[in-house]
Amino acid sequence: MLFDNTNKPKGLKRLFLALGHSFRAFTWLSKNEAAFRQEIVLLLTTLTLLPFLSFSSYDNLLIISATLFVMFAEIVNTAIEAVVDRIGLEIHELSGLAKDLGSACVTIALVILSLVWLVVLYSNFVA
């Protein structure tokens, strides 16, 4: 089966198909990626705790956005790994580099999340 680039859906049909593809991806990630499951727990914990911390709406938005950014980076990392594995399972320097770069992406996202939490906590409880 080949992809037909000239016959793509348009309008609402395209939107509904895209949502279906996204739902399928989230389902796959939830079943197959332990790191993504941990990030779901992180997001749910964050959403549960924030109402009790009396941060500003801006602070809440920053924390939630940074948490979602970690999940975004994990999805990109998983996509890179899937493409590399699809191309071939033999060990190759560039395949390893691609996977390491995806992992670095997640690490940077986690650093950003940590910094956001530190700044919000500092500005609300210390300053």
PDB file of N, CA and C in Angstrom:
ATOM      1  N   MET A   1       0.845  -1.172   0.000  1.00  0.00           N
ATOM      2  CA  MET A   1       0.000   0.000   0.000  1.00  0.00           C
ATOM      3  C   MET A   1       0.895   1.242   0.000  1.00  0.00           C
ATOM      4  N   LEU A   2       0.610   2.156  -0.906  1.00  0.00           N
ATOM      5  CA  LEU A   2       1.396   3.373  -1.018  1.00  0.00           C
ATOM      6  C   LEU A   2       0.558   4.581  -0.607  1.00  0.00           C
ATOM      7  N   PHE A   3       1.221   5.573  -0.062  1.00  0.00           N
ATOM      8  CA  PHE A   3       0.551   6.810   0.339  1.00  0.00           C
ATOM      9  C   PHE A   3       0.258   7.655  -0.888  1.00  0.00           C
ATOM     10  N   ASP A   4      -0.976   8.117  -1.018  1.00  0.00           N
ATOM     11  CA  ASP A   4      -1.389   8.958  -2.143  1.00  0.00           C
ATOM     12  C   ASP A   4      -1.371  10.419  -1.702  1.00  0.00           C
ATOM     13  N   ASN A   5      -0.309  11.114  -2.046  1.00  0.00           N
ATOM     14  CA  ASN A   5      -0.123  12.503  -1.621  1.00  0.00           C
ATOM     15  C   ASN A   5      -1.061  13.468  -2.341  1.00  0.00           C
ATOM     16  N   THR A   6      -1.689  13.036  -3.431  1.00  0.00           N
ATOM     17  CA  THR A   6      -2.550  13.935  -4.201  1.00  0.00           C
ATOM     18  C   THR A   6      -4.018  13.842  -3.779  1.00  0.00           C
ATOM     19  N   ASN A   7      -4.353  12.885  -2.938  1.00  0.00           N
ATOM     20  CA  ASN A   7      -5.748  12.664  -2.561  1.00  0.00           C
ATOM     21  C   ASN A   7      -5.924  12.737  -1.045  1.00  0.00           C
ATOM     22  N   LYS A   8      -5.461  13.826  -0.455  1.00  0.00           N
ATOM     23  CA  LYS A   8      -5.555  13.983   0.992  1.00  0.00           C
ATOM     24  C   LYS A   8      -6.929  14.528   1.375  1.00  0.00           C
ATOM     25  N   PRO A   9      -7.463  14.086   2.528  1.00  0.00           N
ATOM     26  CA  PRO A   9      -8.733  14.636   2.987  1.00  0.00           C
ATOM     27  C   PRO A   9      -8.580  16.111   3.352  1.00  0.00           C
ATOM     28  N   LYS A  10      -9.710  16.830   3.299  1.00  0.00           N
ATOM     29  CA  LYS A  10      -9.690  18.259   3.604  1.00  0.00           C
ATOM     30  C   LYS A  10     -10.802  18.578   4.589  1.00  0.00           C
ATOM     31  N   GLY A  11     -10.709  19.775   5.181  1.00  0.00           N
ATOM     32  CA  GLY A  11     -11.769  20.275   6.046  1.00  0.00           C
ATOM     33  C   GLY A  11     -11.957  19.461   7.305  1.00  0.00           C
ATOM     34  N   LEU A  12     -13.228  19.303   7.718  1.00  0.00           N
ATOM     35  CA  LEU A  12     -13.538  18.603   8.961  1.00  0.00           C
ATOM     36  C   LEU A  12     -13.137  17.137   8.911  1.00  0.00           C
ATOM     37  N   LYS A  13     -13.223  16.532   7.740  1.00  0.00           N
ATOM     38  CA  LYS A  13     -12.808  15.128   7.624  1.00  0.00           C
ATOM     39  C   LYS A  13     -11.336  14.973   8.002  1.00  0.00           C
ATOM     40  N   ARG A  14     -10.496  15.894   7.520  1.00  0.00           N
ATOM     41  CA  ARG A  14      -9.079  15.859   7.853  1.00  0.00           C
ATOM     42  C   ARG A  14      -8.881  16.013   9.361  1.00  0.00           C
ATOM     43  N   LEU A  15      -9.645  16.936   9.972  1.00  0.00           N
ATOM     44  CA  LEU A  15      -9.540  17.160  11.413  1.00  0.00           C
ATOM     45  C   LEU A  15      -9.919  15.908  12.196  1.00  0.00           C
ATOM     46  N   PHE A  16     -11.036  15.280  11.834  1.00  0.00           N
ATOM     47  CA  PHE A  16     -11.467  14.076  12.541  1.00  0.00           C
ATOM     48  C   PHE A  16     -10.489  12.916  12.347  1.00  0.00           C
ATOM     49  N   LEU A  17      -9.956  12.778  11.144  1.00  0.00           N
ATOM     50  CA  LEU A  17      -8.948  11.742  10.905  1.00  0.00           C
ATOM     51  C   LEU A  17      -7.692  11.999  11.732  1.00  0.00           C
ATOM     52  N   ALA A  18      -7.264  13.266  11.803  1.00  0.00           N
ATOM     53  CA  ALA A  18      -6.076  13.624  12.582  1.00  0.00           C
ATOM     54  C   ALA A  18      -6.301  13.332  14.064  1.00  0.00           C
ATOM     55  N   LEU A  19      -7.483  13.646  14.565  1.00  0.00           N
ATOM     56  CA  LEU A  19      -7.789  13.349  15.968  1.00  0.00           C
ATOM     57  C   LEU A  19      -7.762  11.850  16.225  1.00  0.00           C
ATOM     58  N   GLY A  20      -8.273  11.082  15.269  1.00  0.00           N
ATOM     59  CA  GLY A  20      -8.240   9.627  15.399  1.00  0.00           C
ATOM     60  C   GLY A  20      -6.816   9.092  15.419  1.00  0.00           C
ATOM     61  N   HIS A  21      -5.959   9.633  14.551  1.00  0.00           N
ATOM     62  CA  HIS A  21      -4.557   9.219  14.535  1.00  0.00           C
ATOM     63  C   HIS A  21      -3.879   9.574  15.860  1.00  0.00           C
ATOM     64  N   SER A  22      -4.177  10.759  16.375  1.00  0.00           N
ATOM     65  CA  SER A  22      -3.594  11.186  17.654  1.00  0.00           C
ATOM     66  C   SER A  22      -4.059  10.277  18.786  1.00  0.00           C
ATOM     67  N   PHE A  23      -5.342   9.954  18.805  1.00  0.00           N
ATOM     68  CA  PHE A  23      -5.865   9.065  19.837  1.00  0.00           C
ATOM     69  C   PHE A  23      -5.180   7.703  19.760  1.00  0.00           C
ATOM     70  N   ARG A  24      -5.003   7.192  18.536  1.00  0.00           N
ATOM     71  CA  ARG A  24      -4.306   5.904  18.358  1.00  0.00           C
ATOM     72  C   ARG A  24      -2.874   5.987  18.888  1.00  0.00           C
ATOM     73  N   ALA A  25      -2.205   7.121  18.633  1.00  0.00           N
ATOM     74  CA  ALA A  25      -0.830   7.297  19.113  1.00  0.00           C
ATOM     75  C   ALA A  25      -0.790   7.358  20.636  1.00  0.00           C
ATOM     76  N   PHE A  26      -1.720   8.110  21.253  1.00  0.00           N
ATOM     77  CA  PHE A  26      -1.756   8.186  22.718  1.00  0.00           C
ATOM     78  C   PHE A  26      -2.032   6.818  23.333  1.00  0.00           C
ATOM     79  N   THR A  27      -2.915   6.059  22.706  1.00  0.00           N
ATOM     80  CA  THR A  27      -3.216   4.719  23.195  1.00  0.00           C
ATOM     81  C   THR A  27      -1.974   3.835  23.110  1.00  0.00           C
ATOM     82  N   TRP A  28      -1.280   3.887  21.964  1.00  0.00           N
ATOM     83  CA  TRP A  28      -0.066   3.081  21.802  1.00  0.00           C
ATOM     84  C   TRP A  28       0.991   3.482  22.828  1.00  0.00           C
ATOM     85  N   LEU A  29       1.193   4.789  22.984  1.00  0.00           N
ATOM     86  CA  LEU A  29       2.184   5.269  23.949  1.00  0.00           C
ATOM     87  C   LEU A  29       1.855   4.787  25.361  1.00  0.00           C
ATOM     88  N   SER A  30       0.589   4.869  25.734  1.00  0.00           N
ATOM     89  CA  SER A  30       0.171   4.459  27.078  1.00  0.00           C
ATOM     90  C   SER A  30       0.408   2.977  27.321  1.00  0.00           C
ATOM     91  N   LYS A  31       0.253   2.175  26.286  1.00  0.00           N
ATOM     92  CA  LYS A  31       0.435   0.731  26.430  1.00  0.00           C
ATOM     93  C   LYS A  31       1.894   0.304  26.347  1.00  0.00           C
ATOM     94  N   ASN A  32       2.719   1.032  25.580  1.00  0.00           N
ATOM     95  CA  ASN A  32       4.051   0.543  25.225  1.00  0.00           C
ATOM     96  C   ASN A  32       5.226   1.347  25.766  1.00  0.00           C
ATOM     97  N   GLU A  33       5.009   2.528  26.252  1.00  0.00           N
ATOM     98  CA  GLU A  33       6.120   3.376  26.691  1.00  0.00           C
ATOM     99  C   GLU A  33       6.010   3.689  28.178  1.00  0.00           C
ATOM    100  N   ALA A  34       6.871   3.069  28.979  1.00  0.00           N
ATOM    101  CA  ALA A  34       6.848   3.288  30.430  1.00  0.00           C
ATOM    102  C   ALA A  34       7.104   4.753  30.771  1.00  0.00           C
ATOM    103  N   ALA A  35       8.011   5.401  30.045  1.00  0.00           N
ATOM    104  CA  ALA A  35       8.314   6.804  30.327  1.00  0.00           C
ATOM    105  C   ALA A  35       7.077   7.673  30.103  1.00  0.00           C
ATOM    106  N   PHE A  36       6.297   7.383  29.066  1.00  0.00           N
ATOM    107  CA  PHE A  36       5.090   8.164  28.809  1.00  0.00           C
ATOM    108  C   PHE A  36       4.057   7.935  29.909  1.00  0.00           C
ATOM    109  N   ARG A  37       3.936   6.702  30.390  1.00  0.00           N
ATOM    110  CA  ARG A  37       3.023   6.427  31.507  1.00  0.00           C
ATOM    111  C   ARG A  37       3.454   7.202  32.747  1.00  0.00           C
ATOM    112  N   GLN A  38       4.753   7.275  32.995  1.00  0.00           N
ATOM    113  CA  GLN A  38       5.245   8.056  34.137  1.00  0.00           C
ATOM    114  C   GLN A  38       4.902   9.536  33.960  1.00  0.00           C
ATOM    115  N   GLU A  39       4.985  10.029  32.742  1.00  0.00           N
ATOM    116  CA  GLU A  39       4.680  11.433  32.483  1.00  0.00           C
ATOM    117  C   GLU A  39       3.184  11.708  32.600  1.00  0.00           C
ATOM    118  N   ILE A  40       2.347  10.720  32.296  1.00  0.00           N
ATOM    119  CA  ILE A  40       0.908  10.867  32.541  1.00  0.00           C
ATOM    120  C   ILE A  40       0.656  10.994  34.037  1.00  0.00           C
ATOM    121  N   VAL A  41       1.328  10.164  34.822  1.00  0.00           N
ATOM    122  CA  VAL A  41       1.201  10.255  36.284  1.00  0.00           C
ATOM    123  C   VAL A  41       1.691  11.621  36.763  1.00  0.00           C
ATOM    124  N   LEU A  42       2.796  12.101  36.200  1.00  0.00           N
ATOM    125  CA  LEU A  42       3.314  13.424  36.549  1.00  0.00           C
ATOM    126  C   LEU A  42       2.281  14.505  36.244  1.00  0.00           C
ATOM    127  N   LEU A  43       1.665  14.435  35.068  1.00  0.00           N
ATOM    128  CA  LEU A  43       0.654  15.425  34.688  1.00  0.00           C
ATOM    129  C   LEU A  43      -0.556  15.353  35.616  1.00  0.00           C
ATOM    130  N   LEU A  44      -1.043  14.151  35.889  1.00  0.00           N
ATOM    131  CA  LEU A  44      -2.210  14.006  36.763  1.00  0.00           C
ATOM    132  C   LEU A  44      -1.904  14.472  38.182  1.00  0.00           C
ATOM    133  N   THR A  45      -0.709  14.168  38.667  1.00  0.00           N
ATOM    134  CA  THR A  45      -0.298  14.637  39.992  1.00  0.00           C
ATOM    135  C   THR A  45      -0.226  16.159  40.022  1.00  0.00           C
ATOM    136  N   THR A  46       0.342  16.739  38.983  1.00  0.00           N
ATOM    137  CA  THR A  46       0.440  18.194  38.880  1.00  0.00           C
ATOM    138  C   THR A  46      -0.945  18.827  38.881  1.00  0.00           C
ATOM    139  N   LEU A  47      -1.850  18.292  38.062  1.00  0.00           N
ATOM    140  CA  LEU A  47      -3.202  18.837  37.976  1.00  0.00           C
ATOM    141  C   LEU A  47      -3.961  18.686  39.293  1.00  0.00           C
ATOM    142  N   THR A  48      -3.642  17.632  40.045  1.00  0.00           N
ATOM    143  CA  THR A  48      -4.282  17.414  41.347  1.00  0.00           C
ATOM    144  C   THR A  48      -3.738  18.378  42.401  1.00  0.00           C
ATOM    145  N   LEU A  49      -2.430  18.635  42.375  1.00  0.00           N
ATOM    146  CA  LEU A  49      -1.804  19.476  43.391  1.00  0.00           C
ATOM    147  C   LEU A  49      -2.020  20.976  43.190  1.00  0.00           C
ATOM    148  N   LEU A  50      -2.033  21.425  41.967  1.00  0.00           N
ATOM    149  CA  LEU A  50      -2.068  22.867  41.696  1.00  0.00           C
ATOM    150  C   LEU A  50      -3.219  23.617  42.373  1.00  0.00           C
ATOM    151  N   PRO A  51      -4.432  23.073  42.419  1.00  0.00           N
ATOM    152  CA  PRO A  51      -5.501  23.831  43.088  1.00  0.00           C
ATOM    153  C   PRO A  51      -5.240  24.085  44.579  1.00  0.00           C
ATOM    154  N   PHE A  52      -4.430  23.254  45.205  1.00  0.00           N
ATOM    155  CA  PHE A  52      -4.151  23.399  46.632  1.00  0.00           C
ATOM    156  C   PHE A  52      -2.963  24.314  46.918  1.00  0.00           C
ATOM    157  N   LEU A  53      -2.226  24.708  45.896  1.00  0.00           N
ATOM    158  CA  LEU A  53      -1.020  25.503  46.099  1.00  0.00           C
ATOM    159  C   LEU A  53      -1.244  27.003  45.936  1.00  0.00           C
ATOM    160  N   SER A  54      -2.399  27.400  45.521  1.00  0.00           N
ATOM    161  CA  SER A  54      -2.797  28.809  45.376  1.00  0.00           C
ATOM    162  C   SER A  54      -1.774  29.648  44.597  1.00  0.00           C
ATOM    163  N   PHE A  55      -1.292  29.089  43.515  1.00  0.00           N
ATOM    164  CA  PHE A  55      -0.442  29.856  42.611  1.00  0.00           C
ATOM    165  C   PHE A  55      -1.338  30.703  41.719  1.00  0.00           C
ATOM    166  N   SER A  56      -0.753  31.674  41.080  1.00  0.00           N
ATOM    167  CA  SER A  56      -1.507  32.489  40.131  1.00  0.00           C
ATOM    168  C   SER A  56      -1.857  31.646  38.905  1.00  0.00           C
ATOM    169  N   SER A  57      -2.815  32.119  38.144  1.00  0.00           N
ATOM    170  CA  SER A  57      -3.183  31.429  36.904  1.00  0.00           C
ATOM    171  C   SER A  57      -1.984  31.345  35.969  1.00  0.00           C
ATOM    172  N   TYR A  58      -1.181  32.395  35.952  1.00  0.00           N
ATOM    173  CA  TYR A  58       0.024  32.424  35.115  1.00  0.00           C
ATOM    174  C   TYR A  58       1.007  31.335  35.545  1.00  0.00           C
ATOM    175  N   ASP A  59       1.228  31.208  36.855  1.00  0.00           N
ATOM    176  CA  ASP A  59       2.129  30.165  37.362  1.00  0.00           C
ATOM    177  C   ASP A  59       1.598  28.774  37.026  1.00  0.00           C
ATOM    178  N   ASN A  60       0.283  28.580  37.208  1.00  0.00           N
ATOM    179  CA  ASN A  60      -0.323  27.292  36.875  1.00  0.00           C
ATOM    180  C   ASN A  60      -0.137  26.965  35.391  1.00  0.00           C
ATOM    181  N   LEU A  61      -0.349  27.971  34.555  1.00  0.00           N
ATOM    182  CA  LEU A  61      -0.183  27.774  33.113  1.00  0.00           C
ATOM    183  C   LEU A  61       1.258  27.400  32.771  1.00  0.00           C
ATOM    184  N   LEU A  62       2.223  28.059  33.407  1.00  0.00           N
ATOM    185  CA  LEU A  62       3.632  27.739  33.165  1.00  0.00           C
ATOM    186  C   LEU A  62       3.952  26.295  33.554  1.00  0.00           C
ATOM    187  N   ILE A  63       3.482  25.886  34.717  1.00  0.00           N
ATOM    188  CA  ILE A  63       3.769  24.530  35.203  1.00  0.00           C
ATOM    189  C   ILE A  63       3.110  23.487  34.312  1.00  0.00           C
ATOM    190  N   ILE A  64       1.846  23.697  33.973  1.00  0.00           N
ATOM    191  CA  ILE A  64       1.142  22.737  33.114  1.00  0.00           C
ATOM    192  C   ILE A  64       1.793  22.693  31.736  1.00  0.00           C
ATOM    193  N   SER A  65       2.148  23.854  31.183  1.00  0.00           N
ATOM    194  CA  SER A  65       2.787  23.893  29.864  1.00  0.00           C
ATOM    195  C   SER A  65       4.131  23.178  29.879  1.00  0.00           C
ATOM    196  N   ALA A  66       4.916  23.397  30.920  1.00  0.00           N
ATOM    197  CA  ALA A  66       6.219  22.736  31.011  1.00  0.00           C
ATOM    198  C   ALA A  66       6.062  21.224  31.153  1.00  0.00           C
ATOM    199  N   THR A  67       5.030  20.795  31.880  1.00  0.00           N
ATOM    200  CA  THR A  67       4.764  19.357  32.022  1.00  0.00           C
ATOM    201  C   THR A  67       4.356  18.755  30.683  1.00  0.00           C
ATOM    202  N   LEU A  68       3.479  19.451  29.957  1.00  0.00           N
ATOM    203  CA  LEU A  68       3.070  18.984  28.632  1.00  0.00           C
ATOM    204  C   LEU A  68       4.249  18.989  27.656  1.00  0.00           C
ATOM    205  N   PHE A  69       5.171  19.932  27.835  1.00  0.00           N
ATOM    206  CA  PHE A  69       6.353  19.977  26.976  1.00  0.00           C
ATOM    207  C   PHE A  69       7.224  18.738  27.177  1.00  0.00           C
ATOM    208  N   VAL A  70       7.308  18.246  28.414  1.00  0.00           N
ATOM    209  CA  VAL A  70       8.037  16.998  28.673  1.00  0.00           C
ATOM    210  C   VAL A  70       7.377  15.855  27.904  1.00  0.00           C
ATOM    211  N   MET A  71       6.054  15.812  27.933  1.00  0.00           N
ATOM    212  CA  MET A  71       5.340  14.763  27.207  1.00  0.00           C
ATOM    213  C   MET A  71       5.549  14.905  25.699  1.00  0.00           C
ATOM    214  N   PHE A  72       5.543  16.137  25.214  1.00  0.00           N
ATOM    215  CA  PHE A  72       5.807  16.403  23.801  1.00  0.00           C
ATOM    216  C   PHE A  72       7.196  15.876  23.415  1.00  0.00           C
ATOM    217  N   ALA A  73       8.193  16.178  24.229  1.00  0.00           N
ATOM    218  CA  ALA A  73       9.558  15.725  23.939  1.00  0.00           C
ATOM    219  C   ALA A  73       9.633  14.197  23.948  1.00  0.00           C
ATOM    220  N   GLU A  74       8.903  13.559  24.851  1.00  0.00           N
ATOM    221  CA  GLU A  74       8.885  12.094  24.907  1.00  0.00           C
ATOM    222  C   GLU A  74       8.269  11.502  23.642  1.00  0.00           C
ATOM    223  N   ILE A  75       7.220  12.144  23.145  1.00  0.00           N
ATOM    224  CA  ILE A  75       6.581  11.671  21.917  1.00  0.00           C
ATOM    225  C   ILE A  75       7.545  11.802  20.736  1.00  0.00           C
ATOM    226  N   VAL A  76       8.246  12.928  20.656  1.00  0.00           N
ATOM    227  CA  VAL A  76       9.221  13.123  19.572  1.00  0.00           C
ATOM    228  C   VAL A  76      10.345  12.084  19.700  1.00  0.00           C
ATOM    229  N   ASN A  77      10.807  11.854  20.907  1.00  0.00           N
ATOM    230  CA  ASN A  77      11.856  10.858  21.130  1.00  0.00           C
ATOM    231  C   ASN A  77      11.388   9.475  20.685  1.00  0.00           C
ATOM    232  N   THR A  78      10.176   9.110  21.040  1.00  0.00           N
ATOM    233  CA  THR A  78       9.640   7.804  20.652  1.00  0.00           C
ATOM    234  C   THR A  78       9.487   7.708  19.135  1.00  0.00           C
ATOM    235  N   ALA A  79       9.072   8.805  18.504  1.00  0.00           N
ATOM    236  CA  ALA A  79       8.945   8.814  17.040  1.00  0.00           C
ATOM    237  C   ALA A  79      10.303   8.599  16.376  1.00  0.00           C
ATOM    238  N   ILE A  80      11.329   9.260  16.895  1.00  0.00           N
ATOM    239  CA  ILE A  80      12.682   9.079  16.355  1.00  0.00           C
ATOM    240  C   ILE A  80      13.114   7.622  16.500  1.00  0.00           C
ATOM    241  N   GLU A  81      12.880   7.053  17.680  1.00  0.00           N
ATOM    242  CA  GLU A  81      13.255   5.654  17.904  1.00  0.00           C
ATOM    243  C   GLU A  81      12.510   4.722  16.956  1.00  0.00           C
ATOM    244  N   ALA A  82      11.225   4.984  16.730  1.00  0.00           N
ATOM    245  CA  ALA A  82      10.433   4.133  15.841  1.00  0.00           C
ATOM    246  C   ALA A  82      10.956   4.197  14.409  1.00  0.00           C
ATOM    247  N   VAL A  83      11.291   5.390  13.949  1.00  0.00           N
ATOM    248  CA  VAL A  83      11.801   5.536  12.580  1.00  0.00           C
ATOM    249  C   VAL A  83      13.159   4.848  12.442  1.00  0.00           C
ATOM    250  N   VAL A  84      14.033   5.046  13.424  1.00  0.00           N
ATOM    251  CA  VAL A  84      15.349   4.420  13.362  1.00  0.00           C
ATOM    252  C   VAL A  84      15.204   2.892  13.359  1.00  0.00           C
ATOM    253  N   ASP A  85      14.331   2.364  14.211  1.00  0.00           N
ATOM    254  CA  ASP A  85      14.136   0.914  14.265  1.00  0.00           C
ATOM    255  C   ASP A  85      13.483   0.387  12.993  1.00  0.00           C
ATOM    256  N   ARG A  86      12.638   1.207  12.359  1.00  0.00           N
ATOM    257  CA  ARG A  86      11.988   0.814  11.096  1.00  0.00           C
ATOM    258  C   ARG A  86      13.025   0.680   9.976  1.00  0.00           C
ATOM    259  N   ILE A  87      14.011   1.564  10.005  1.00  0.00           N
ATOM    260  CA  ILE A  87      15.039   1.552   8.958  1.00  0.00           C
ATOM    261  C   ILE A  87      15.916   0.312   9.085  1.00  0.00           C
ATOM    262  N   GLY A  88      16.233  -0.062  10.304  1.00  0.00           N
ATOM    263  CA  GLY A  88      17.051  -1.260  10.491  1.00  0.00           C
ATOM    264  C   GLY A  88      17.463  -1.421  11.932  1.00  0.00           C
ATOM    265  N   LEU A  89      17.628  -2.667  12.353  1.00  0.00           N
ATOM    266  CA  LEU A  89      17.989  -2.949  13.735  1.00  0.00           C
ATOM    267  C   LEU A  89      19.491  -3.129  13.941  1.00  0.00           C
ATOM    268  N   GLU A  90      20.259  -3.061  12.841  1.00  0.00           N
ATOM    269  CA  GLU A  90      21.705  -3.204  13.001  1.00  0.00           C
ATOM    270  C   GLU A  90      22.246  -1.964  13.730  1.00  0.00           C
ATOM    271  N   ILE A  91      23.312  -2.175  14.460  1.00  0.00           N
ATOM    272  CA  ILE A  91      23.929  -1.081  15.208  1.00  0.00           C
ATOM    273  C   ILE A  91      24.676  -0.184  14.227  1.00  0.00           C
ATOM    274  N   HIS A  92      24.337   1.103  14.272  1.00  0.00           N
ATOM    275  CA  HIS A  92      24.980   2.083  13.402  1.00  0.00           C
ATOM    276  C   HIS A  92      25.190   3.359  14.194  1.00  0.00           C
ATOM    277  N   GLU A  93      26.314   3.995  13.972  1.00  0.00           N
ATOM    278  CA  GLU A  93      26.676   5.208  14.717  1.00  0.00           C
ATOM    279  C   GLU A  93      25.601   6.292  14.611  1.00  0.00           C
ATOM    280  N   LEU A  94      25.071   6.509  13.414  1.00  0.00           N
ATOM    281  CA  LEU A  94      24.062   7.552  13.231  1.00  0.00           C
ATOM    282  C   LEU A  94      22.723   7.182  13.869  1.00  0.00           C
ATOM    283  N   SER A  95      22.391   5.896  13.884  1.00  0.00           N
ATOM    284  CA  SER A  95      21.169   5.460  14.559  1.00  0.00           C
ATOM    285  C   SER A  95      21.274   5.731  16.058  1.00  0.00           C
ATOM    286  N   GLY A  96      22.423   5.401  16.617  1.00  0.00           N
ATOM    287  CA  GLY A  96      22.646   5.676  18.034  1.00  0.00           C
ATOM    288  C   GLY A  96      22.615   7.162  18.326  1.00  0.00           C
ATOM    289  N   LEU A  97      23.206   7.959  17.451  1.00  0.00           N
ATOM    290  CA  LEU A  97      23.197   9.409  17.630  1.00  0.00           C
ATOM    291  C   LEU A  97      21.776   9.950  17.595  1.00  0.00           C
ATOM    292  N   ALA A  98      20.963   9.498  16.647  1.00  0.00           N
ATOM    293  CA  ALA A  98      19.577   9.960  16.557  1.00  0.00           C
ATOM    294  C   ALA A  98      18.811   9.650  17.840  1.00  0.00           C
ATOM    295  N   LYS A  99      18.992   8.442  18.351  1.00  0.00           N
ATOM    296  CA  LYS A  99      18.312   8.068  19.592  1.00  0.00           C
ATOM    297  C   LYS A  99      18.844   8.876  20.780  1.00  0.00           C
ATOM    298  N   ASP A 100      20.129   9.110  20.828  1.00  0.00           N
ATOM    299  CA  ASP A 100      20.708   9.922  21.908  1.00  0.00           C
ATOM    300  C   ASP A 100      20.202  11.363  21.850  1.00  0.00           C
ATOM    301  N   LEU A 101      20.074  11.903  20.643  1.00  0.00           N
ATOM    302  CA  LEU A 101      19.565  13.270  20.493  1.00  0.00           C
ATOM    303  C   LEU A 101      18.111  13.363  20.955  1.00  0.00           C
ATOM    304  N   GLY A 102      17.325  12.350  20.651  1.00  0.00           N
ATOM    305  CA  GLY A 102      15.950  12.323  21.147  1.00  0.00           C
ATOM    306  C   GLY A 102      15.902  12.266  22.660  1.00  0.00           C
ATOM    307  N   SER A 103      16.778  11.486  23.244  1.00  0.00           N
ATOM    308  CA  SER A 103      16.862  11.408  24.700  1.00  0.00           C
ATOM    309  C   SER A 103      17.297  12.746  25.306  1.00  0.00           C
ATOM    310  N   ALA A 104      18.225  13.414  24.644  1.00  0.00           N
ATOM    311  CA  ALA A 104      18.665  14.735  25.118  1.00  0.00           C
ATOM    312  C   ALA A 104      17.511  15.736  25.091  1.00  0.00           C
ATOM    313  N   CYS A 105      16.647  15.597  24.104  1.00  0.00           N
ATOM    314  CA  CYS A 105      15.455  16.446  24.002  1.00  0.00           C
ATOM    315  C   CYS A 105      14.594  16.295  25.262  1.00  0.00           C
ATOM    316  N   VAL A 106      14.363  15.068  25.681  1.00  0.00           N
ATOM    317  CA  VAL A 106      13.568  14.811  26.880  1.00  0.00           C
ATOM    318  C   VAL A 106      14.276  15.372  28.107  1.00  0.00           C
ATOM    319  N   THR A 107      15.583  15.201  28.172  1.00  0.00           N
ATOM    320  CA  THR A 107      16.348  15.716  29.314  1.00  0.00           C
ATOM    321  C   THR A 107      16.223  17.232  29.419  1.00  0.00           C
ATOM    322  N   ILE A 108      16.340  17.926  28.304  1.00  0.00           N
ATOM    323  CA  ILE A 108      16.204  19.387  28.313  1.00  0.00           C
ATOM    324  C   ILE A 108      14.801  19.778  28.765  1.00  0.00           C
ATOM    325  N   ALA A 109      13.786  19.061  28.294  1.00  0.00           N
ATOM    326  CA  ALA A 109      12.413  19.356  28.708  1.00  0.00           C
ATOM    327  C   ALA A 109      12.246  19.169  30.217  1.00  0.00           C
ATOM    328  N   LEU A 110      12.877  18.136  30.774  1.00  0.00           N
ATOM    329  CA  LEU A 110      12.812  17.916  32.222  1.00  0.00           C
ATOM    330  C   LEU A 110      13.536  19.010  32.993  1.00  0.00           C
ATOM    331  N   VAL A 111      14.650  19.497  32.457  1.00  0.00           N
ATOM    332  CA  VAL A 111      15.358  20.623  33.082  1.00  0.00           C
ATOM    333  C   VAL A 111      14.468  21.861  33.070  1.00  0.00           C
ATOM    334  N   ILE A 112      13.812  22.123  31.945  1.00  0.00           N
ATOM    335  CA  ILE A 112      12.903  23.274  31.860  1.00  0.00           C
ATOM    336  C   ILE A 112      11.788  23.139  32.895  1.00  0.00           C
ATOM    337  N   LEU A 113      11.197  21.952  32.993  1.00  0.00           N
ATOM    338  CA  LEU A 113      10.139  21.732  33.987  1.00  0.00           C
ATOM    339  C   LEU A 113      10.651  21.980  35.402  1.00  0.00           C
ATOM    340  N   SER A 114      11.833  21.482  35.707  1.00  0.00           N
ATOM    341  CA  SER A 114      12.424  21.697  37.040  1.00  0.00           C
ATOM    342  C   SER A 114      12.654  23.174  37.318  1.00  0.00           C
ATOM    343  N   LEU A 115      13.175  23.889  36.334  1.00  0.00           N
ATOM    344  CA  LEU A 115      13.408  25.328  36.511  1.00  0.00           C
ATOM    345  C   LEU A 115      12.104  26.095  36.710  1.00  0.00           C
ATOM    346  N   VAL A 116      11.080  25.730  35.950  1.00  0.00           N
ATOM    347  CA  VAL A 116       9.774  26.384  36.124  1.00  0.00           C
ATOM    348  C   VAL A 116       9.264  26.153  37.539  1.00  0.00           C
ATOM    349  N   TRP A 117       9.316  24.925  38.018  1.00  0.00           N
ATOM    350  CA  TRP A 117       8.880  24.634  39.379  1.00  0.00           C
ATOM    351  C   TRP A 117       9.694  25.427  40.405  1.00  0.00           C
ATOM    352  N   LEU A 118      11.012  25.453  40.232  1.00  0.00           N
ATOM    353  CA  LEU A 118      11.850  26.189  41.185  1.00  0.00           C
ATOM    354  C   LEU A 118      11.516  27.669  41.214  1.00  0.00           C
ATOM    355  N   VAL A 119      11.345  28.276  40.064  1.00  0.00           N
ATOM    356  CA  VAL A 119      11.029  29.707  39.998  1.00  0.00           C
ATOM    357  C   VAL A 119       9.658  29.982  40.608  1.00  0.00           C
ATOM    358  N   VAL A 120       8.682  29.158  40.290  1.00  0.00           N
ATOM    359  CA  VAL A 120       7.327  29.351  40.840  1.00  0.00           C
ATOM    360  C   VAL A 120       7.334  29.160  42.350  1.00  0.00           C
ATOM    361  N   LEU A 121       7.985  28.124  42.828  1.00  0.00           N
ATOM    362  CA  LEU A 121       8.044  27.899  44.281  1.00  0.00           C
ATOM    363  C   LEU A 121       8.787  29.037  44.974  1.00  0.00           C
ATOM    364  N   TYR A 122       9.899  29.457  44.407  1.00  0.00           N
ATOM    365  CA  TYR A 122      10.672  30.567  44.988  1.00  0.00           C
ATOM    366  C   TYR A 122       9.832  31.840  45.041  1.00  0.00           C
ATOM    367  N   SER A 123       9.189  32.180  43.939  1.00  0.00           N
ATOM    368  CA  SER A 123       8.446  33.436  43.887  1.00  0.00           C
ATOM    369  C   SER A 123       7.197  33.416  44.779  1.00  0.00           C
ATOM    370  N   ASN A 124       6.686  32.230  45.098  1.00  0.00           N
ATOM    371  CA  ASN A 124       5.472  32.143  45.929  1.00  0.00           C
ATOM    372  C   ASN A 124       5.762  31.909  47.402  1.00  0.00           C
ATOM    373  N   PHE A 125       6.904  31.316  47.739  1.00  0.00           N
ATOM    374  CA  PHE A 125       7.154  30.965  49.130  1.00  0.00           C
ATOM    375  C   PHE A 125       8.389  31.615  49.744  1.00  0.00           C
ATOM    376  N   VAL A 126       9.317  32.075  48.939  1.00  0.00           N
ATOM    377  CA  VAL A 126      10.544  32.648  49.489  1.00  0.00           C
ATOM    378  C   VAL A 126      10.581  34.150  49.279  1.00  0.00           C
ATOM    379  N   ALA A 127      10.305  34.608  48.096  1.00  0.00           N
ATOM    380  CA  ALA A 127      10.420  36.033  47.771  1.00  0.00           C
ATOM    381  C   ALA A 127       9.311  36.857  48.387  1.00  0.00           C
TER     382      ALA A 127
END
